Amino acid sequence: MGWLLILTASFFEVIGAIGLKLYAEQKKIIRLVLYWGGFFVSFVLFYFSLHYLELSIVYPVWVGLGTSGAVFANMFLFNEPKSLPRLLGLVIIIVGVVGLHMTM
């Protein structure tokens, strides 16, 4: 249950980051709702995941998956560069998250 919560929290962190990017470009209420709502849901799910998993696992997974997801979203939604060094960095983050999962 804890892993499902933290994966979902990471997903909503990405939604919040996308909303923040969109809101920074144009101040519209739907973009503000994506921004605030995404981060709010993410923090709530993060909190509940701590009932099942240790903070030393939850926090790096949440940040790592959220960061990776935001970078992928920016590459595909906002046409940021898709360079090899950037993709290798993302692979390293994801390998680290999987490594933490395997320690449980």
N, C-alpha and C. Protein backbone atom coordinates (compact mmCIF):
# COMPACT_ATOMS: atom_id res chain seq x y z
N MET A 1 0.82 -1.20 0.00
CA MET A 1 0.00 0.00 0.00
C MET A 1 0.86 1.26 0.00
N GLY A 2 1.96 1.23 0.76
CA GLY A 2 2.84 2.39 0.84
C GLY A 2 3.45 2.75 -0.50
N TRP A 3 3.84 1.72 -1.27
CA TRP A 3 4.44 1.98 -2.58
C TRP A 3 3.42 2.57 -3.54
N LEU A 4 2.20 2.09 -3.49
CA LEU A 4 1.16 2.65 -4.34
C LEU A 4 0.91 4.12 -4.00
N LEU A 5 0.91 4.42 -2.71
CA LEU A 5 0.71 5.81 -2.28
C LEU A 5 1.84 6.72 -2.77
N ILE A 6 3.07 6.26 -2.64
CA ILE A 6 4.19 7.12 -3.02
C ILE A 6 4.30 7.25 -4.54
N LEU A 7 3.95 6.22 -5.28
CA LEU A 7 3.93 6.32 -6.74
C LEU A 7 2.85 7.31 -7.19
N THR A 8 1.70 7.24 -6.56
CA THR A 8 0.62 8.17 -6.89
C THR A 8 0.99 9.58 -6.47
N ALA A 9 1.64 9.72 -5.32
CA ALA A 9 2.10 11.04 -4.87
C ALA A 9 3.08 11.64 -5.87
N SER A 10 3.96 10.82 -6.41
CA SER A 10 4.92 11.29 -7.41
C SER A 10 4.21 11.74 -8.68
N PHE A 11 3.20 11.00 -9.08
CA PHE A 11 2.41 11.37 -10.25
C PHE A 11 1.78 12.75 -10.04
N PHE A 12 1.18 12.97 -8.88
CA PHE A 12 0.55 14.26 -8.61
C PHE A 12 1.57 15.38 -8.44
N GLU A 13 2.78 15.05 -8.02
CA GLU A 13 3.84 16.05 -7.98
C GLU A 13 4.15 16.54 -9.39
N VAL A 14 4.15 15.62 -10.35
CA VAL A 14 4.37 15.99 -11.74
C VAL A 14 3.22 16.86 -12.24
N ILE A 15 1.99 16.50 -11.89
CA ILE A 15 0.83 17.32 -12.26
C ILE A 15 0.99 18.74 -11.71
N GLY A 16 1.42 18.83 -10.45
CA GLY A 16 1.64 20.14 -9.84
C GLY A 16 2.72 20.93 -10.56
N ALA A 17 3.79 20.26 -10.95
CA ALA A 17 4.88 20.94 -11.66
C ALA A 17 4.42 21.42 -13.04
N ILE A 18 3.64 20.61 -13.73
CA ILE A 18 3.10 21.02 -15.02
C ILE A 18 2.17 22.22 -14.83
N GLY A 19 1.32 22.14 -13.82
CA GLY A 19 0.42 23.26 -13.52
C GLY A 19 1.19 24.54 -13.20
N LEU A 20 2.28 24.41 -12.47
CA LEU A 20 3.11 25.58 -12.14
C LEU A 20 3.69 26.20 -13.40
N LYS A 21 4.21 25.35 -14.28
CA LYS A 21 4.76 25.85 -15.55
C LYS A 21 3.69 26.57 -16.36
N LEU A 22 2.52 25.94 -16.47
CA LEU A 22 1.43 26.54 -17.24
C LEU A 22 0.95 27.84 -16.60
N TYR A 23 0.84 27.85 -15.27
CA TYR A 23 0.37 29.05 -14.57
C TYR A 23 1.38 30.19 -14.69
N ALA A 24 2.65 29.87 -14.71
CA ALA A 24 3.68 30.90 -14.88
C ALA A 24 3.57 31.55 -16.26
N GLU A 25 3.11 30.78 -17.25
CA GLU A 25 2.97 31.30 -18.61
C GLU A 25 1.71 32.13 -18.79
N GLN A 26 0.62 31.68 -18.15
CA GLN A 26 -0.66 32.39 -18.30
C GLN A 26 -1.50 32.15 -17.05
N LYS A 27 -1.88 33.21 -16.39
CA LYS A 27 -2.63 33.13 -15.14
C LYS A 27 -4.10 32.82 -15.41
N LYS A 28 -4.43 31.52 -15.36
CA LYS A 28 -5.82 31.08 -15.50
C LYS A 28 -6.14 30.18 -14.33
N ILE A 29 -7.41 30.18 -13.92
CA ILE A 29 -7.82 29.45 -12.72
C ILE A 29 -7.58 27.95 -12.86
N ILE A 30 -7.81 27.36 -14.03
CA ILE A 30 -7.61 25.92 -14.21
C ILE A 30 -6.14 25.55 -14.02
N ARG A 31 -5.26 26.42 -14.46
CA ARG A 31 -3.83 26.18 -14.30
C ARG A 31 -3.43 26.30 -12.83
N LEU A 32 -4.05 27.23 -12.14
CA LEU A 32 -3.80 27.38 -10.70
C LEU A 32 -4.30 26.15 -9.94
N VAL A 33 -5.44 25.61 -10.36
CA VAL A 33 -5.99 24.41 -9.73
C VAL A 33 -5.07 23.21 -9.97
N LEU A 34 -4.53 23.08 -11.18
CA LEU A 34 -3.57 22.01 -11.45
C LEU A 34 -2.34 22.15 -10.56
N TYR A 35 -1.84 23.37 -10.47
CA TYR A 35 -0.65 23.66 -9.67
C TYR A 35 -0.88 23.36 -8.20
N TRP A 36 -1.84 24.04 -7.59
CA TRP A 36 -2.09 23.83 -6.16
C TRP A 36 -2.64 22.44 -5.87
N GLY A 37 -3.59 22.00 -6.69
CA GLY A 37 -4.20 20.70 -6.47
C GLY A 37 -3.21 19.56 -6.59
N GLY A 38 -2.36 19.63 -7.61
CA GLY A 38 -1.36 18.58 -7.80
C GLY A 38 -0.42 18.46 -6.62
N PHE A 39 0.09 19.59 -6.18
CA PHE A 39 1.02 19.55 -5.04
C PHE A 39 0.31 19.20 -3.74
N PHE A 40 -0.93 19.67 -3.55
CA PHE A 40 -1.67 19.34 -2.33
C PHE A 40 -1.91 17.83 -2.23
N VAL A 41 -2.42 17.24 -3.30
CA VAL A 41 -2.68 15.79 -3.30
C VAL A 41 -1.37 15.03 -3.11
N SER A 42 -0.31 15.51 -3.74
CA SER A 42 0.99 14.87 -3.60
C SER A 42 1.46 14.86 -2.15
N PHE A 43 1.34 16.00 -1.47
CA PHE A 43 1.76 16.07 -0.07
C PHE A 43 0.90 15.19 0.83
N VAL A 44 -0.39 15.14 0.57
CA VAL A 44 -1.28 14.29 1.39
C VAL A 44 -0.91 12.82 1.22
N LEU A 45 -0.71 12.39 -0.02
CA LEU A 45 -0.34 10.99 -0.27
C LEU A 45 1.05 10.68 0.29
N PHE A 46 1.96 11.64 0.19
CA PHE A 46 3.28 11.50 0.80
C PHE A 46 3.14 11.24 2.30
N TYR A 47 2.31 12.04 2.94
CA TYR A 47 2.07 11.90 4.38
C TYR A 47 1.55 10.49 4.72
N PHE A 48 0.55 10.03 3.99
CA PHE A 48 -0.03 8.72 4.29
C PHE A 48 0.93 7.58 3.97
N SER A 49 1.80 7.77 3.00
CA SER A 49 2.77 6.71 2.69
C SER A 49 3.74 6.49 3.84
N LEU A 50 3.93 7.52 4.66
CA LEU A 50 4.83 7.38 5.81
C LEU A 50 4.28 6.44 6.88
N HIS A 51 3.00 6.09 6.79
CA HIS A 51 2.42 5.11 7.71
C HIS A 51 2.89 3.69 7.37
N TYR A 52 3.39 3.51 6.13
CA TYR A 52 3.76 2.19 5.66
C TYR A 52 5.26 2.02 5.39
N LEU A 53 5.91 3.11 5.03
CA LEU A 53 7.33 3.04 4.65
C LEU A 53 8.14 4.05 5.46
N GLU A 54 9.43 3.82 5.51
CA GLU A 54 10.32 4.72 6.25
C GLU A 54 10.58 5.99 5.44
N LEU A 55 10.79 7.09 6.14
CA LEU A 55 11.08 8.37 5.50
C LEU A 55 12.31 8.28 4.61
N SER A 56 13.31 7.51 5.03
CA SER A 56 14.54 7.39 4.24
C SER A 56 14.30 6.71 2.89
N ILE A 57 13.19 6.04 2.74
CA ILE A 57 12.81 5.44 1.46
C ILE A 57 11.82 6.34 0.73
N VAL A 58 10.80 6.80 1.45
CA VAL A 58 9.72 7.56 0.83
C VAL A 58 10.21 8.86 0.20
N TYR A 59 10.98 9.62 0.93
CA TYR A 59 11.37 10.94 0.41
C TYR A 59 12.21 10.86 -0.86
N PRO A 60 13.28 10.05 -0.89
CA PRO A 60 14.06 9.98 -2.14
C PRO A 60 13.25 9.44 -3.33
N VAL A 61 12.36 8.49 -3.08
CA VAL A 61 11.54 7.95 -4.16
C VAL A 61 10.60 9.04 -4.67
N TRP A 62 9.97 9.75 -3.77
CA TRP A 62 9.03 10.82 -4.13
C TRP A 62 9.74 11.91 -4.94
N VAL A 63 10.88 12.34 -4.45
CA VAL A 63 11.63 13.40 -5.15
C VAL A 63 12.18 12.87 -6.48
N GLY A 64 12.74 11.68 -6.47
CA GLY A 64 13.35 11.12 -7.68
C GLY A 64 12.33 10.89 -8.79
N LEU A 65 11.21 10.26 -8.45
CA LEU A 65 10.19 10.02 -9.46
C LEU A 65 9.52 11.31 -9.89
N GLY A 66 9.30 12.21 -8.95
CA GLY A 66 8.71 13.50 -9.30
C GLY A 66 9.61 14.30 -10.23
N THR A 67 10.90 14.31 -9.92
CA THR A 67 11.87 15.01 -10.77
C THR A 67 11.93 14.39 -12.16
N SER A 68 12.04 13.07 -12.21
CA SER A 68 12.10 12.38 -13.50
C SER A 68 10.83 12.62 -14.31
N GLY A 69 9.72 12.52 -13.65
CA GLY A 69 8.44 12.75 -14.34
C GLY A 69 8.32 14.16 -14.87
N ALA A 70 8.77 15.14 -14.08
CA ALA A 70 8.71 16.53 -14.52
C ALA A 70 9.62 16.77 -15.72
N VAL A 71 10.80 16.16 -15.70
CA VAL A 71 11.72 16.32 -16.84
C VAL A 71 11.11 15.68 -18.09
N PHE A 72 10.57 14.46 -17.96
CA PHE A 72 9.94 13.82 -19.11
C PHE A 72 8.75 14.65 -19.62
N ALA A 73 7.94 15.16 -18.71
CA ALA A 73 6.79 15.98 -19.10
C ALA A 73 7.26 17.22 -19.85
N ASN A 74 8.31 17.86 -19.36
CA ASN A 74 8.82 19.05 -20.03
C ASN A 74 9.40 18.72 -21.40
N MET A 75 10.02 17.56 -21.54
CA MET A 75 10.56 17.15 -22.83
C MET A 75 9.44 16.96 -23.86
N PHE A 76 8.36 16.33 -23.43
CA PHE A 76 7.31 15.96 -24.38
C PHE A 76 6.18 16.98 -24.48
N LEU A 77 5.90 17.72 -23.43
CA LEU A 77 4.83 18.71 -23.48
C LEU A 77 5.32 20.10 -23.86
N PHE A 78 6.54 20.44 -23.45
CA PHE A 78 7.04 21.80 -23.65
C PHE A 78 8.29 21.84 -24.52
N ASN A 79 8.57 20.72 -25.20
CA ASN A 79 9.66 20.64 -26.18
C ASN A 79 11.04 21.03 -25.65
N GLU A 80 11.34 20.65 -24.42
CA GLU A 80 12.70 20.85 -23.92
C GLU A 80 13.63 19.84 -24.63
N PRO A 81 14.92 20.13 -24.65
CA PRO A 81 15.85 19.24 -25.37
C PRO A 81 15.85 17.81 -24.81
N LYS A 82 16.05 16.86 -25.70
CA LYS A 82 16.12 15.44 -25.34
C LYS A 82 17.53 14.94 -25.60
N SER A 83 18.49 15.47 -24.87
CA SER A 83 19.89 15.12 -25.09
C SER A 83 20.27 13.83 -24.37
N LEU A 84 21.31 13.20 -24.84
CA LEU A 84 21.80 11.96 -24.23
C LEU A 84 22.21 12.15 -22.77
N PRO A 85 22.98 13.19 -22.42
CA PRO A 85 23.34 13.37 -21.01
C PRO A 85 22.12 13.54 -20.10
N ARG A 86 21.11 14.24 -20.58
CA ARG A 86 19.88 14.43 -19.79
C ARG A 86 19.17 13.09 -19.58
N LEU A 87 19.07 12.29 -20.64
CA LEU A 87 18.43 10.99 -20.53
C LEU A 87 19.22 10.04 -19.64
N LEU A 88 20.56 10.09 -19.71
CA LEU A 88 21.38 9.26 -18.83
C LEU A 88 21.20 9.66 -17.36
N GLY A 89 21.08 10.95 -17.11
CA GLY A 89 20.82 11.41 -15.74
C GLY A 89 19.51 10.87 -15.21
N LEU A 90 18.49 10.87 -16.06
CA LEU A 90 17.20 10.32 -15.65
C LEU A 90 17.28 8.83 -15.38
N VAL A 91 18.03 8.11 -16.20
CA VAL A 91 18.20 6.67 -15.99
C VAL A 91 18.88 6.42 -14.64
N ILE A 92 19.86 7.22 -14.31
CA ILE A 92 20.56 7.07 -13.02
C ILE A 92 19.58 7.30 -11.86
N ILE A 93 18.73 8.31 -11.97
CA ILE A 93 17.74 8.57 -10.92
C ILE A 93 16.80 7.38 -10.78
N ILE A 94 16.30 6.88 -11.90
CA ILE A 94 15.35 5.77 -11.86
C ILE A 94 16.00 4.50 -11.32
N VAL A 95 17.25 4.24 -11.69
CA VAL A 95 17.97 3.08 -11.15
C VAL A 95 18.12 3.23 -9.63
N GLY A 96 18.38 4.43 -9.16
CA GLY A 96 18.47 4.66 -7.72
C GLY A 96 17.15 4.40 -7.00
N VAL A 97 16.06 4.81 -7.60
CA VAL A 97 14.73 4.57 -7.01
C VAL A 97 14.44 3.08 -6.96
N VAL A 98 14.74 2.38 -8.04
CA VAL A 98 14.52 0.93 -8.06
C VAL A 98 15.42 0.26 -7.02
N GLY A 99 16.65 0.73 -6.89
CA GLY A 99 17.55 0.19 -5.87
C GLY A 99 17.01 0.36 -4.46
N LEU A 100 16.42 1.51 -4.18
CA LEU A 100 15.80 1.73 -2.87
C LEU A 100 14.63 0.78 -2.66
N HIS A 101 13.86 0.57 -3.70
CA HIS A 101 12.71 -0.35 -3.61
C HIS A 101 13.18 -1.77 -3.28
N MET A 102 14.30 -2.15 -3.84
CA MET A 102 14.82 -3.51 -3.62
C MET A 102 15.36 -3.70 -2.21
N THR A 103 15.63 -2.62 -1.49
CA THR A 103 16.14 -2.75 -0.13
C THR A 103 15.04 -3.04 0.89
N MET A 104 13.79 -2.93 0.47
CA MET A 104 12.69 -3.14 1.41
C MET A 104 12.38 -4.60 1.58
